Amino acid sequence: MTTHDQTFSPDAIAADEPAGPLSSWVRSIAEQIATWAGTCADYYAAASLYEQLSALSDAELGRRGLSRATLAQEVCAGCDRGSQS
């Protein structure tokens, strides 16, 4: 028997456990969509904050402990929900 025949034989399929119910699949997709929406919201907030901060002078950024060279990275890190515990 070839590998293809073993993989798709009725015995191999019957031996596997049944697939999870449809509701678990839908729940998984819903969780992924919620995670994606949260990520979009984080980056939208970061873009808005970056726009405001980038208009400040270098001196004002320095007083706030920020550097123009790393401003985008610091803003993204500050708005990322995944990095906040």
Protein backbone atom coordinates (compact mmCIF):
# COMPACT_ATOMS: atom_id res chain seq x y z
CA MET A 1 0.00 0.00 0.00
CA THR A 2 1.37 3.41 -0.91
CA THR A 3 1.54 6.38 1.42
CA HIS A 4 -1.39 7.95 -0.42
CA ASP A 5 -3.49 4.82 0.06
CA GLN A 6 -2.61 4.68 3.78
CA THR A 7 -3.45 8.33 4.33
CA PHE A 8 -6.84 8.15 2.67
CA SER A 9 -7.87 4.60 3.50
CA PRO A 10 -11.23 4.12 5.27
CA ASP A 11 -9.42 2.45 8.20
CA ALA A 12 -7.20 5.49 8.77
CA ILE A 13 -10.16 7.85 8.68
CA ALA A 14 -12.27 5.71 10.99
CA ALA A 15 -9.41 5.43 13.49
CA ASP A 16 -9.10 9.20 13.83
CA GLU A 17 -11.18 10.99 16.41
CA PRO A 18 -14.17 12.88 15.02
CA ALA A 19 -13.71 16.52 14.15
CA GLY A 20 -14.88 19.06 16.73
CA PRO A 21 -18.39 20.41 16.47
CA LEU A 22 -19.16 23.30 14.20
CA SER A 23 -19.77 25.59 17.16
CA SER A 24 -16.17 25.21 18.32
CA TRP A 25 -14.95 26.13 14.83
CA VAL A 26 -17.20 29.19 14.76
CA ARG A 27 -16.00 30.19 18.24
CA SER A 28 -12.39 29.89 17.07
CA ILE A 29 -13.06 32.10 14.05
CA ALA A 30 -14.85 34.64 16.25
CA GLU A 31 -11.86 34.76 18.61
CA GLN A 32 -9.49 35.31 15.68
CA ILE A 33 -11.66 38.12 14.33
CA ALA A 34 -11.79 39.74 17.78
CA THR A 35 -8.00 39.51 18.07
CA TRP A 36 -7.61 41.04 14.61
CA ALA A 37 -10.02 43.88 15.47
CA GLY A 38 -8.13 44.56 18.70
CA THR A 39 -4.84 44.69 16.79
CA CYS A 40 -6.36 47.13 14.29
CA ALA A 41 -7.57 49.33 17.15
CA ASP A 42 -4.11 49.27 18.75
CA TYR A 43 -2.39 50.39 15.56
CA TYR A 44 -5.01 53.04 14.86
CA ALA A 45 -4.41 54.47 18.35
CA ALA A 46 -0.64 54.29 17.77
CA ALA A 47 -0.95 56.13 14.45
CA SER A 48 -3.04 58.87 16.05
CA LEU A 49 -0.62 59.26 18.96
CA TYR A 50 2.38 59.28 16.60
CA GLU A 51 0.77 61.99 14.51
CA GLN A 52 0.30 64.17 17.59
CA LEU A 53 3.78 63.53 19.01
CA SER A 54 5.63 63.92 15.72
CA ALA A 55 4.38 67.51 15.51
CA LEU A 56 6.27 68.37 18.72
CA SER A 57 9.75 69.87 18.67
CA ASP A 58 12.81 67.78 19.49
CA ALA A 59 13.17 69.68 22.77
CA GLU A 60 9.58 68.89 23.80
CA LEU A 61 10.02 65.25 22.86
CA GLY A 62 13.20 65.18 24.95
CA ARG A 63 11.34 66.61 27.96
CA ARG A 64 8.87 63.73 27.62
CA GLY A 65 11.70 61.20 27.48
CA LEU A 66 11.20 60.47 23.78
CA SER A 67 13.51 60.60 20.79
CA ARG A 68 12.43 61.39 17.24
CA ALA A 69 14.64 58.53 16.00
CA THR A 70 12.72 55.91 18.00
CA LEU A 71 9.35 57.65 18.29
CA ALA A 72 7.42 55.25 16.03
CA GLN A 73 8.80 52.17 17.76
CA GLU A 74 8.06 53.56 21.24
CA VAL A 75 4.52 54.60 20.29
CA CYS A 76 3.73 51.17 18.80
CA ALA A 77 5.12 49.42 21.86
CA GLY A 78 3.06 51.66 24.15
CA CYS A 79 -0.18 50.98 22.28
CA ASP A 80 0.28 47.22 21.87
CA ARG A 81 -2.12 45.34 24.17
CA GLY A 82 -0.07 42.17 23.78
CA SER A 83 2.95 43.73 25.47
CA GLN A 84 0.98 45.06 28.43
CA SER A 85 0.50 42.57 31.25
